[in-house]
Amino acid sequence: MRDDNRAVSTVIGVVILFGFLILALSLYQVEVVPQQNAETEFQHSGEVRNDLVELRAGILQAGSIDQPQYQTVQLGTAYSTRVFTINPPAPAGTIRTSEPYPITIAYESNETVIETIPTRFIEYRPGYSELDRSPTWYDASVLYLDGRDEGGGIAVIEDQTLVDGGEVQITALQNEFRQSGTGRVTLELRPAESVTGELPEGDLTVTVPTRLSGEEYWNQTNVSSVTDDSNSDGIYNLTIETTANNLTVDTVGVQESPEEPTQNNNARVGGVDGGNENGGGNENGGENENGGENDIVTEGDVTVEQSEEVDDITTDGDVTLENGASADNIVTEGDVTLKQNAETGNIETEGEVTLENGASANNIVTEGGVTLKQNAEVGDITTDGDVTLENGASADNIVTEGDVTLKQNAEAGNIETEGEVTLENGASADNIVTEGGVTLKQNAEAGNIETEGEVTLENGANAGDITTEGDVTLKQNASAGFIDADGEVTLEQGATAENYPQ
């Protein structure tokens, strides 16, 4: 008898090759994955910087021209889907307003305060895994990257516009706001009348709160002085000497009308204070004192048809655009319907919004439901109601508290909701963030899914990574990337996943 060792070398070779494979994957995970994720974060940091520059411009413009502005910010991003390696959680971002601080206007001679107006700062903080997480601040018209908490300094992105020659232009930002996630968020910027219309003549002293000291920024400008941080709360006071003729203080509210002073009608799109006692220079077109030459300002229903073009529509009733009609913007408390290739800019309403037959709008802000069908197109949708897209309709991003349904090849960017999300019949979405359940079927596709509810994929549906606190079920040739679930994971009928808890 003798030992047969003919297969030993083959086994050893396989073991060695397997070891090299594991080593290569480990090096890829440690070296390449962080580098690629850093590139994704760097690309997003540039995009969100541009969004914040536009947000700052929107705040200043809303105050200066007395018209609402709508600005979107891409809070976070998503890493590339991986087959054999693992990504960290998608980097979410947070945008919020600070606590309110007072702007004061006082007599220079005796320092008696005439007017006090609250204002806030805006902070955006990314949740990157690889890049610096320093926040970006909007502060007294200055936009800057703040690395002081990590021992660094500030990097100014956009300089101050408070003082320009002898003119002082202040925009107070009001209302509490906070939003976190990976998708886009739309900030509604609602202006109010200037508070300086009834200020007395004479020399005035204005103080404006800021997070920047004189040495860090303001000493290089022509602001009079900056006081010390007497309360040790990180807030300084700019002191500006001016007169009532050279001073303008506007207020802009985030998502709602400013707290002080109250919203006036001139701040609405198109205006309603015109040349007659009922408001508006013309009820159905014509020249309007505060708006465009072809504004519609009324309290009743409005119908625009047969390719007619109008400027802004301001009403309390329902609005209908059809047969190629167009409007710049629509502000109403009623329902809005666009059909047969009708077009409009922003829609702001409390009612239902329906777009069909190739109709399009820039952005929709409403408290009611939104329905898009027959190749209708919209930018961002912000609502408290249900959203339905079908028959090839598309939306850039959807933010809602209701249910979202996409079917018949409808498309959406990021979906952020508290309700149920259903995609079917070839519908697709970039990413889904929700507290409710998610169902994909009939070849529907989604990027990453992040939810607290149950997730079901069937009939050839496909998704990227899935993160949930509930159960996950894949069947009928459905596929997914990595699955991180607190509940049970079930794969059946030819379904596949890159990795999942078993």
Protein backbone atom coordinates (compact mmCIF):
# COMPACT_ATOMS: atom_id res chain seq x y z
CA MET A 1 0.00 0.00 0.00
CA ARG A 2 1.23 3.56 -0.76
CA ASP A 3 -0.23 7.08 -0.41
CA ASP A 4 -1.84 8.66 -3.47
CA ASN A 5 -0.83 12.40 -3.45
CA ARG A 6 -1.60 13.17 -7.06
CA ALA A 7 -4.32 15.83 -6.25
CA VAL A 8 -2.49 17.58 -3.40
CA SER A 9 -0.79 20.16 -5.62
CA THR A 10 -4.10 21.05 -7.29
CA VAL A 11 -5.80 21.60 -3.94
CA ILE A 12 -2.92 23.73 -2.72
CA GLY A 13 -3.05 25.77 -5.92
CA VAL A 14 -6.78 26.38 -5.52
CA VAL A 15 -6.29 27.45 -1.89
CA ILE A 16 -3.51 29.85 -2.89
CA LEU A 17 -5.61 31.35 -5.71
CA PHE A 18 -8.55 31.75 -3.35
CA GLY A 19 -6.29 33.48 -0.87
CA PHE A 20 -5.06 35.89 -3.55
CA LEU A 21 -8.69 36.59 -4.51
CA ILE A 22 -9.63 37.39 -0.93
CA LEU A 23 -6.54 39.59 -0.60
CA ALA A 24 -7.37 41.41 -3.82
CA LEU A 25 -10.96 42.03 -2.71
CA SER A 26 -9.71 43.26 0.67
CA LEU A 27 -7.30 45.69 -0.95
CA TYR A 28 -10.06 46.86 -3.33
CA GLN A 29 -12.40 47.43 -0.37
CA VAL A 30 -9.75 49.33 1.61
CA GLU A 31 -8.13 51.33 -1.20
CA VAL A 32 -10.37 51.63 -4.26
CA VAL A 33 -13.86 51.81 -2.72
CA PRO A 34 -13.05 54.81 -0.47
CA GLN A 35 -11.41 56.58 -3.42
CA GLN A 36 -14.41 56.04 -5.68
CA ASN A 37 -16.81 57.09 -2.91
CA ALA A 38 -14.71 60.19 -2.32
CA GLU A 39 -15.08 61.06 -6.03
CA THR A 40 -18.87 60.68 -5.70
CA GLU A 41 -18.85 62.92 -2.62
CA PHE A 42 -16.63 65.48 -4.35
CA GLN A 43 -19.01 65.66 -7.32
CA HIS A 44 -21.96 66.13 -4.96
CA SER A 45 -20.12 68.80 -2.96
CA GLY A 46 -19.79 70.84 -6.15
CA GLU A 47 -23.46 70.36 -6.99
CA VAL A 48 -24.68 71.33 -3.53
CA ARG A 49 -22.36 74.35 -3.50
CA ASN A 50 -24.05 75.59 -6.68
CA ASP A 51 -27.46 74.91 -5.10
CA LEU A 52 -26.53 76.98 -2.04
CA VAL A 53 -25.24 79.84 -4.21
CA GLU A 54 -28.60 79.85 -5.99
CA LEU A 55 -30.42 79.63 -2.64
CA ARG A 56 -28.59 82.73 -1.41
CA ALA A 57 -29.43 84.55 -4.63
CA GLY A 58 -33.07 83.49 -4.28
CA ILE A 59 -33.27 84.88 -0.73
CA LEU A 60 -31.84 88.23 -1.77
CA GLN A 61 -33.96 88.37 -4.92
CA ALA A 62 -37.19 87.52 -3.09
CA GLY A 63 -36.57 90.44 -0.74
CA SER A 64 -35.56 92.91 -3.42
CA ILE A 65 -38.28 92.27 -6.04
CA ASP A 66 -41.11 91.21 -3.68
CA GLN A 67 -41.86 87.95 -5.48
CA PRO A 68 -41.72 84.40 -4.09
CA GLN A 69 -38.75 82.28 -5.15
CA TYR A 70 -38.36 78.49 -5.18
CA GLN A 71 -34.89 77.01 -4.73
CA THR A 72 -33.94 73.33 -4.50
CA VAL A 73 -30.96 71.78 -2.70
CA GLN A 74 -29.64 68.25 -3.29
CA LEU A 75 -29.12 67.21 0.33
CA GLY A 76 -27.18 63.99 -0.25
CA THR A 77 -26.10 61.49 -2.88
CA ALA A 78 -25.80 57.74 -3.48
CA TYR A 79 -22.67 55.66 -4.01
CA SER A 80 -22.25 53.38 -7.02
CA THR A 81 -23.83 49.94 -6.68
CA ARG A 82 -21.21 47.27 -5.98
CA VAL A 83 -21.22 43.50 -6.60
CA PHE A 84 -18.52 42.09 -4.32
CA THR A 85 -17.65 44.99 -2.04
CA ILE A 86 -19.57 47.02 0.51
CA ASN A 87 -20.53 50.68 0.62
CA PRO A 88 -21.16 52.70 3.76
CA PRO A 89 -24.68 54.17 4.12
CA ALA A 90 -25.60 56.77 1.51
CA PRO A 91 -24.37 60.19 2.69
CA ALA A 92 -27.39 62.23 3.73
CA GLY A 93 -27.27 65.98 4.29
CA THR A 94 -29.12 68.35 6.60
CA ILE A 95 -30.26 71.91 5.95
CA ARG A 96 -31.73 73.98 8.76
CA THR A 97 -32.32 77.49 10.00
CA SER A 98 -30.71 78.65 13.24
CA GLU A 99 -32.27 80.21 16.30
CA PRO A 100 -33.61 83.74 15.68
CA TYR A 101 -31.43 86.75 16.52
CA PRO A 102 -32.49 90.44 16.48
CA ILE A 103 -31.72 93.08 13.88
CA THR A 104 -32.20 96.47 15.54
CA ILE A 105 -32.68 99.96 14.10
CA ALA A 106 -32.03 102.82 16.52
CA TYR A 107 -31.51 106.59 16.61
CA GLU A 108 -27.80 107.33 16.42
CA SER A 109 -28.12 110.30 18.77
CA ASN A 110 -29.66 108.59 21.84
CA GLU A 111 -29.54 104.87 20.86
CA THR A 112 -33.33 104.52 21.28
CA VAL A 113 -34.45 101.39 19.40
CA ILE A 114 -37.09 102.14 16.75
CA GLU A 115 -37.54 98.67 15.22
CA THR A 116 -36.50 95.09 16.05
CA ILE A 117 -36.70 92.40 13.36
CA PRO A 118 -35.79 88.73 14.01
CA THR A 119 -33.52 86.97 11.54
CA ARG A 120 -31.92 83.52 11.21
CA PHE A 121 -28.91 81.90 9.57
CA ILE A 122 -28.99 78.83 7.30
CA GLU A 123 -26.66 75.85 7.85
CA TYR A 124 -26.07 72.97 5.42
CA ARG A 125 -24.11 70.03 6.85
CA PRO A 126 -23.12 67.03 4.68
CA GLY A 127 -22.88 63.46 5.98
CA TYR A 128 -19.88 62.35 3.91
CA SER A 129 -17.89 59.22 4.78
CA GLU A 130 -14.65 60.27 3.08
CA LEU A 131 -14.56 64.04 2.61
CA ASP A 132 -14.57 66.87 5.14
CA ARG A 133 -17.94 67.35 6.85
CA SER A 134 -17.52 71.07 7.53
CA PRO A 135 -20.86 72.91 7.23
CA THR A 136 -21.72 75.74 4.84
CA TRP A 137 -23.48 78.81 6.31
CA TYR A 138 -25.60 81.61 4.91
CA ASP A 139 -25.01 84.47 7.34
CA ALA A 140 -25.87 88.17 6.88
CA SER A 141 -25.75 87.76 3.07
CA VAL A 142 -22.35 85.97 3.23
CA LEU A 143 -22.06 82.33 2.08
CA TYR A 144 -19.04 80.52 3.50
CA LEU A 145 -17.58 77.13 4.39
CA ASP A 146 -16.92 76.95 8.14
CA GLY A 147 -14.09 74.72 9.34
CA ARG A 148 -13.57 76.40 12.71
CA ASP A 149 -14.93 73.45 14.72
CA GLU A 150 -12.12 71.29 13.29
CA GLY A 151 -9.44 73.89 14.01
CA GLY A 152 -9.55 75.51 10.58
CA GLY A 153 -10.96 78.77 9.33
CA ILE A 154 -13.61 79.98 6.92
CA ALA A 155 -13.63 79.95 3.13
CA VAL A 156 -15.89 82.63 1.65
CA ILE A 157 -17.97 81.44 -1.31
CA GLU A 158 -20.07 84.60 -1.86
CA ASP A 159 -19.24 88.00 -0.34
CA GLN A 160 -21.54 90.31 1.61
CA THR A 161 -24.13 92.51 -0.10
CA LEU A 162 -25.21 94.41 3.03
CA VAL A 163 -23.31 97.58 2.23
CA ASP A 164 -22.71 98.82 -1.29
CA GLY A 165 -21.32 102.32 -1.39
CA GLY A 166 -23.72 104.41 0.66
CA GLU A 167 -26.65 101.99 0.32
CA VAL A 168 -27.53 99.46 3.04
CA GLN A 169 -29.68 96.51 1.89
CA ILE A 170 -30.65 94.00 4.63
CA THR A 171 -32.75 90.87 4.11
CA ALA A 172 -34.04 89.25 7.31
CA LEU A 173 -34.61 85.50 7.05
CA GLN A 174 -37.42 84.09 9.21
CA ASN A 175 -39.24 80.88 10.19
CA GLU A 176 -37.90 77.59 11.54
CA PHE A 177 -36.97 74.94 8.95
CA ARG A 178 -35.09 71.64 9.03
CA GLN A 179 -34.81 68.84 6.46
CA SER A 180 -32.52 65.80 6.26
CA GLY A 181 -32.11 63.07 3.66
CA THR A 182 -30.40 62.18 0.40
CA GLY A 183 -32.94 63.66 -2.01
CA ARG A 184 -33.77 67.18 -3.12
CA VAL A 185 -35.65 69.64 -0.94
CA THR A 186 -37.45 72.72 -2.22
CA LEU A 187 -37.29 75.89 -0.13
CA GLU A 188 -40.12 78.34 -0.69
CA LEU A 189 -38.94 81.90 -0.08
CA ARG A 190 -41.88 84.19 0.65
CA PRO A 191 -41.20 87.95 0.89
CA ALA A 192 -43.00 90.68 2.80
CA GLU A 193 -43.06 94.44 2.58
CA SER A 194 -40.05 96.51 3.57
CA VAL A 195 -40.06 97.55 7.23
CA THR A 196 -38.32 100.84 6.48
CA GLY A 197 -41.22 102.63 4.80
CA GLU A 198 -42.17 104.60 7.93
CA LEU A 199 -38.76 105.15 9.55
CA PRO A 200 -38.07 108.71 10.68
CA GLU A 201 -35.55 110.92 8.93
CA GLY A 202 -32.12 111.38 10.44
CA ASP A 203 -29.02 109.39 11.32
CA LEU A 204 -29.62 105.76 12.32
CA THR A 205 -27.58 102.93 13.78
CA VAL A 206 -28.36 99.42 12.54
CA THR A 207 -27.04 96.26 14.22
CA VAL A 208 -27.05 92.96 12.33
CA PRO A 209 -26.22 89.59 13.96
CA THR A 210 -23.45 87.46 12.43
CA ARG A 211 -21.35 84.39 13.26
CA LEU A 212 -18.24 86.02 11.79
CA SER A 213 -15.92 88.23 13.81
CA GLY A 214 -14.23 91.33 12.48
CA GLU A 215 -10.86 89.61 12.13
CA GLU A 216 -12.38 86.67 10.29
CA TYR A 217 -14.23 88.74 7.70
CA TRP A 218 -15.89 92.06 8.44
CA ASN A 219 -12.77 94.20 9.02
CA GLN A 220 -12.03 93.80 5.29
CA THR A 221 -15.39 95.40 4.39
CA ASN A 222 -16.75 98.91 4.89
CA VAL A 223 -19.05 97.99 7.77
CA SER A 224 -18.60 100.46 10.63
CA SER A 225 -17.63 97.99 13.39
CA VAL A 226 -18.21 94.54 14.89
CA THR A 227 -18.82 94.11 18.62
CA ASP A 228 -17.31 91.30 20.69
CA ASP A 229 -19.15 88.07 21.39
CA SER A 230 -20.37 89.36 24.76
CA ASN A 231 -22.72 86.43 25.41
CA SER A 232 -20.15 83.76 24.39
CA ASP A 233 -22.78 82.23 22.10
CA GLY A 234 -20.81 82.62 18.88
CA ILE A 235 -22.87 85.63 17.71
CA TYR A 236 -21.41 89.05 16.98
CA ASN A 237 -23.16 92.31 16.06
CA LEU A 238 -22.34 94.39 12.99
CA THR A 239 -22.85 98.09 13.53
CA ILE A 240 -23.78 100.13 10.45
CA GLU A 241 -24.34 103.89 10.47
CA THR A 242 -26.79 105.11 7.84
CA THR A 243 -29.96 107.14 7.22
CA ALA A 244 -33.55 106.13 6.46
CA ASN A 245 -33.13 107.21 2.82
CA ASN A 246 -30.19 104.84 2.34
CA LEU A 247 -31.60 101.87 4.31
CA THR A 248 -33.81 99.00 3.10
CA VAL A 249 -34.77 96.07 5.33
CA ASP A 250 -36.83 93.30 3.71
CA THR A 251 -38.12 90.11 5.32
CA VAL A 252 -38.23 86.67 3.68
CA GLY A 253 -39.93 83.63 5.22
CA VAL A 254 -38.90 80.01 4.58
CA GLN A 255 -41.91 77.83 3.56
CA GLU A 256 -44.36 80.27 5.18
CA SER A 257 -44.94 84.00 5.33
CA PRO A 258 -42.47 85.96 7.49
CA GLU A 259 -43.26 86.45 11.16
CA GLU A 260 -42.74 90.21 11.18
CA PRO A 261 -44.03 92.25 9.44
CA THR A 262 -47.03 90.34 8.15
CA GLN A 263 -47.27 89.31 4.50
CA ASN A 264 -48.81 91.95 2.26
CA ASN A 265 -50.53 91.38 -1.07
CA ASN A 266 -47.72 92.96 -3.10
CA ALA A 267 -45.47 90.04 -2.11
CA ARG A 268 -47.62 87.61 -4.10
CA VAL A 269 -46.76 86.73 -7.68
CA GLY A 270 -48.44 89.33 -9.90
CA GLY A 271 -49.64 91.43 -6.96
CA VAL A 272 -53.21 92.38 -6.18
CA ASP A 273 -52.90 96.00 -5.10
CA GLY A 274 -53.44 97.83 -8.36
CA GLY A 275 -55.14 100.84 -9.79
CA ASN A 276 -58.69 100.18 -8.56
CA GLU A 277 -60.35 99.45 -5.25
CA ASN A 278 -60.75 95.77 -6.00
CA GLY A 279 -57.04 95.29 -6.63
CA GLY A 280 -55.21 94.71 -9.86
CA GLY A 281 -55.05 96.92 -12.91
CA ASN A 282 -56.99 94.35 -14.98
CA GLU A 283 -58.97 91.28 -14.02
CA ASN A 284 -58.21 89.23 -17.14
CA GLY A 285 -55.01 90.45 -18.73
CA GLY A 286 -54.06 93.99 -19.60
CA GLU A 287 -51.59 96.17 -17.75
CA ASN A 288 -51.18 95.62 -14.00
CA GLU A 289 -49.50 98.20 -11.82
CA ASN A 290 -47.56 95.71 -9.68
CA GLY A 291 -47.16 92.76 -12.08
CA GLY A 292 -46.62 92.06 -15.76
CA GLU A 293 -48.50 93.56 -18.67
CA ASN A 294 -50.58 90.41 -19.11
CA ASP A 295 -51.22 89.30 -15.53
CA ILE A 296 -54.51 87.78 -14.43
CA VAL A 297 -55.58 88.86 -10.95
CA THR A 298 -59.00 87.71 -9.78
CA GLU A 299 -60.89 85.86 -7.07
CA GLY A 300 -62.75 83.56 -9.46
CA ASP A 301 -61.91 80.66 -11.78
CA VAL A 302 -59.43 81.18 -14.63
CA THR A 303 -59.35 79.31 -17.98
CA VAL A 304 -56.62 79.91 -20.56
CA GLU A 305 -56.94 78.00 -23.84
CA GLN A 306 -56.04 77.78 -27.55
CA SER A 307 -52.33 78.68 -27.24
CA GLU A 308 -53.06 81.89 -25.33
CA GLU A 309 -50.07 83.23 -23.34
CA VAL A 310 -50.41 85.08 -20.04
CA ASP A 311 -48.00 86.22 -17.34
CA ASP A 312 -48.72 85.45 -13.68
CA ILE A 313 -52.10 84.16 -12.50
CA THR A 314 -53.20 85.08 -8.96
CA THR A 315 -56.62 83.90 -7.83
CA ASP A 316 -58.63 82.11 -5.15
CA GLY A 317 -60.43 79.89 -7.66
CA ASP A 318 -59.62 76.99 -9.98
CA VAL A 319 -57.15 77.42 -12.84
CA THR A 320 -57.27 75.51 -16.16
CA LEU A 321 -54.73 75.74 -18.99
CA GLU A 322 -55.30 73.71 -22.16
CA ASN A 323 -54.49 73.39 -25.86
CA GLY A 324 -50.95 74.77 -25.65
CA ALA A 325 -51.80 77.66 -23.32
CA SER A 326 -49.01 79.00 -21.09
CA ALA A 327 -48.58 81.06 -17.92
CA ASP A 328 -45.46 82.24 -16.11
CA ASN A 329 -46.59 81.28 -12.60
CA ILE A 330 -49.82 80.26 -10.87
CA VAL A 331 -50.75 81.15 -7.28
CA THR A 332 -54.19 80.01 -6.10
CA GLU A 333 -56.13 78.30 -3.35
CA GLY A 334 -58.11 76.16 -5.80
CA ASP A 335 -57.39 73.25 -8.13
CA VAL A 336 -55.00 73.54 -11.08
CA THR A 337 -55.38 71.55 -14.32
CA LEU A 338 -52.99 71.64 -17.29
CA LYS A 339 -53.69 69.60 -20.40
CA GLN A 340 -52.87 69.28 -24.09
CA ASN A 341 -49.27 70.60 -23.94
CA ALA A 342 -50.08 73.53 -21.66
CA GLU A 343 -47.07 75.02 -19.86
CA THR A 344 -46.42 77.04 -16.72
CA GLY A 345 -43.62 77.96 -14.34
CA ASN A 346 -44.18 77.41 -10.62
CA ILE A 347 -47.56 76.29 -9.27
CA GLU A 348 -48.43 77.25 -5.68
CA THR A 349 -51.81 76.10 -4.43
CA GLU A 350 -53.72 74.40 -1.64
CA GLY A 351 -55.80 72.28 -4.01
CA GLU A 352 -55.38 69.35 -6.39
CA VAL A 353 -52.97 69.58 -9.32
CA THR A 354 -53.42 67.58 -12.54
CA LEU A 355 -51.16 67.62 -15.61
CA GLU A 356 -51.87 65.49 -18.68
CA ASN A 357 -51.30 65.15 -22.41
CA GLY A 358 -47.73 66.53 -22.44
CA ALA A 359 -48.41 69.43 -20.07
CA SER A 360 -45.42 70.72 -18.07
CA ALA A 361 -44.55 72.85 -15.03
CA ASN A 362 -41.31 73.89 -13.35
CA ASN A 363 -42.24 73.11 -9.75
CA ILE A 364 -45.41 72.26 -7.83
CA VAL A 365 -46.00 73.26 -4.20
CA THR A 366 -49.38 72.22 -2.83
CA GLU A 367 -51.20 70.71 0.12
CA GLY A 368 -53.37 68.54 -2.13
CA GLY A 369 -52.83 65.57 -4.39
CA VAL A 370 -50.77 65.67 -7.59
CA THR A 371 -51.53 63.58 -10.71
CA LEU A 372 -49.33 63.49 -13.81
CA LYS A 373 -50.23 61.38 -16.84
CA GLN A 374 -49.78 61.03 -20.58
CA ASN A 375 -46.14 62.25 -20.74
CA ALA A 376 -46.68 65.24 -18.46
CA GLU A 377 -43.45 66.68 -17.01
CA VAL A 378 -42.67 68.54 -13.78
CA GLY A 379 -39.58 69.62 -11.88
CA ASP A 380 -39.88 69.17 -8.12
CA ILE A 381 -43.15 68.25 -6.41
CA THR A 382 -43.65 69.29 -2.77
CA THR A 383 -46.99 68.32 -1.25
CA ASP A 384 -48.79 66.86 1.74
CA GLY A 385 -51.04 64.69 -0.44
CA ASP A 386 -50.75 61.61 -2.64
CA VAL A 387 -48.72 61.71 -5.86
CA THR A 388 -49.51 59.61 -8.95
CA LEU A 389 -47.44 59.47 -12.16
CA GLU A 390 -48.51 57.31 -15.10
CA ASN A 391 -48.33 56.89 -18.87
CA GLY A 392 -44.74 58.12 -19.23
CA ALA A 393 -45.12 61.12 -16.91
CA SER A 394 -41.97 62.33 -15.15
CA ALA A 395 -40.87 64.43 -12.16
CA ASP A 396 -37.39 65.42 -11.02
CA ASN A 397 -38.02 64.87 -7.31
CA ILE A 398 -41.01 64.16 -5.09
CA VAL A 399 -41.30 65.25 -1.45
CA THR A 400 -44.59 64.39 0.23
CA GLU A 401 -46.27 63.00 3.33
CA GLY A 402 -48.68 60.88 1.29
CA ASP A 403 -48.49 57.79 -0.91
CA VAL A 404 -46.54 57.78 -4.19
CA THR A 405 -47.55 55.63 -7.18
CA LEU A 406 -45.62 55.39 -10.47
CA LYS A 407 -46.83 53.20 -13.32
CA GLN A 408 -46.80 52.74 -17.09
CA ASN A 409 -43.14 53.82 -17.59
CA ALA A 410 -43.43 56.89 -15.37
CA GLU A 411 -40.11 58.27 -14.09
CA ALA A 412 -39.03 60.18 -10.99
CA GLY A 413 -35.79 61.29 -9.41
CA ASN A 414 -35.60 60.95 -5.65
CA ILE A 415 -38.79 60.11 -3.75
CA GLU A 416 -38.98 61.19 -0.11
CA THR A 417 -42.22 60.45 1.72
CA GLU A 418 -43.83 59.11 4.87
CA GLY A 419 -46.34 56.99 2.98
CA GLU A 420 -46.41 53.91 0.75
CA VAL A 421 -44.44 53.82 -2.53
CA THR A 422 -45.53 51.66 -5.49
CA LEU A 423 -43.73 51.34 -8.85
CA GLU A 424 -45.09 49.12 -11.61
CA ASN A 425 -45.30 48.59 -15.37
CA GLY A 426 -41.72 49.70 -16.09
CA ALA A 427 -41.81 52.77 -13.82
CA SER A 428 -38.49 53.95 -12.36
CA ALA A 429 -37.09 56.14 -9.59
CA ASP A 430 -33.52 57.12 -8.69
CA ASN A 431 -33.82 56.60 -4.93
CA ILE A 432 -36.63 56.03 -2.44
CA VAL A 433 -36.61 57.23 1.19
CA THR A 434 -39.81 56.53 3.12
CA GLU A 435 -41.29 55.39 6.39
CA GLY A 436 -43.88 53.20 4.68
CA GLY A 437 -43.79 50.08 2.55
CA VAL A 438 -42.22 49.87 -0.92
CA THR A 439 -43.54 47.67 -3.76
CA LEU A 440 -41.88 47.27 -7.17
CA LYS A 441 -43.37 45.02 -9.85
CA GLN A 442 -43.66 44.45 -13.59
CA ASN A 443 -40.06 45.42 -14.43
CA ALA A 444 -40.08 48.54 -12.29
CA GLU A 445 -36.65 49.89 -11.32
CA ALA A 446 -35.33 51.90 -8.37
CA GLY A 447 -31.93 52.98 -7.09
CA ASN A 448 -31.35 52.58 -3.39
CA ILE A 449 -34.35 52.02 -1.10
CA GLU A 450 -34.30 53.24 2.50
CA THR A 451 -37.43 52.58 4.54
CA GLU A 452 -38.86 51.48 7.87
CA GLY A 453 -41.52 49.31 6.26
CA GLU A 454 -41.72 46.17 4.19
CA VAL A 455 -40.14 45.90 0.72
CA THR A 456 -41.51 43.69 -2.07
CA LEU A 457 -39.99 43.21 -5.54
CA GLU A 458 -41.59 40.95 -8.14
CA ASN A 459 -42.09 40.32 -11.86
CA GLY A 460 -38.56 41.29 -12.88
CA ALA A 461 -38.36 44.41 -10.74
CA ASN A 462 -34.88 45.66 -9.91
CA ALA A 463 -33.43 47.81 -7.08
CA GLY A 464 -30.02 48.84 -5.83
CA ASP A 465 -29.24 48.52 -2.13
CA ILE A 466 -32.15 48.04 0.28
CA THR A 467 -32.02 49.24 3.90
CA THR A 468 -35.09 48.58 6.04
CA GLU A 469 -36.37 47.72 9.49
CA GLY A 470 -39.03 45.44 8.01
CA ASP A 471 -39.21 42.30 5.86
CA VAL A 472 -37.88 42.03 2.30
CA THR A 473 -39.43 39.74 -0.32
CA LEU A 474 -38.02 39.20 -3.84
CA LYS A 475 -39.79 36.91 -6.30
CA GLN A 476 -40.39 36.21 -10.00
CA ASN A 477 -36.88 37.09 -11.23
CA ALA A 478 -36.62 40.29 -9.19
CA SER A 479 -33.10 41.46 -8.29
CA ALA A 480 -31.44 43.75 -5.76
CA GLY A 481 -28.00 44.82 -4.55
CA PHE A 482 -27.10 44.57 -0.88
CA ILE A 483 -29.99 44.02 1.53
CA ASP A 484 -29.68 45.28 5.12
CA ALA A 485 -32.90 44.29 6.88
CA ASP A 486 -33.95 43.85 10.50
CA GLY A 487 -36.79 41.59 9.37
CA GLU A 488 -36.89 38.40 7.32
CA VAL A 489 -35.44 38.27 3.79
CA THR A 490 -37.09 35.92 1.30
CA LEU A 491 -35.91 35.15 -2.24
CA GLU A 492 -38.00 32.92 -4.46
CA GLN A 493 -38.87 32.10 -8.07
CA GLY A 494 -35.50 33.06 -9.57
CA ALA A 495 -35.00 36.23 -7.55
CA THR A 496 -31.40 37.32 -6.79
CA ALA A 497 -29.51 39.67 -4.47
CA GLU A 498 -25.82 40.49 -4.22
CA ASN A 499 -25.73 39.98 -0.47
CA TYR A 500 -28.33 39.63 2.27
CA PRO A 501 -28.65 38.35 5.86
CA GLN A 502 -29.51 34.66 6.01
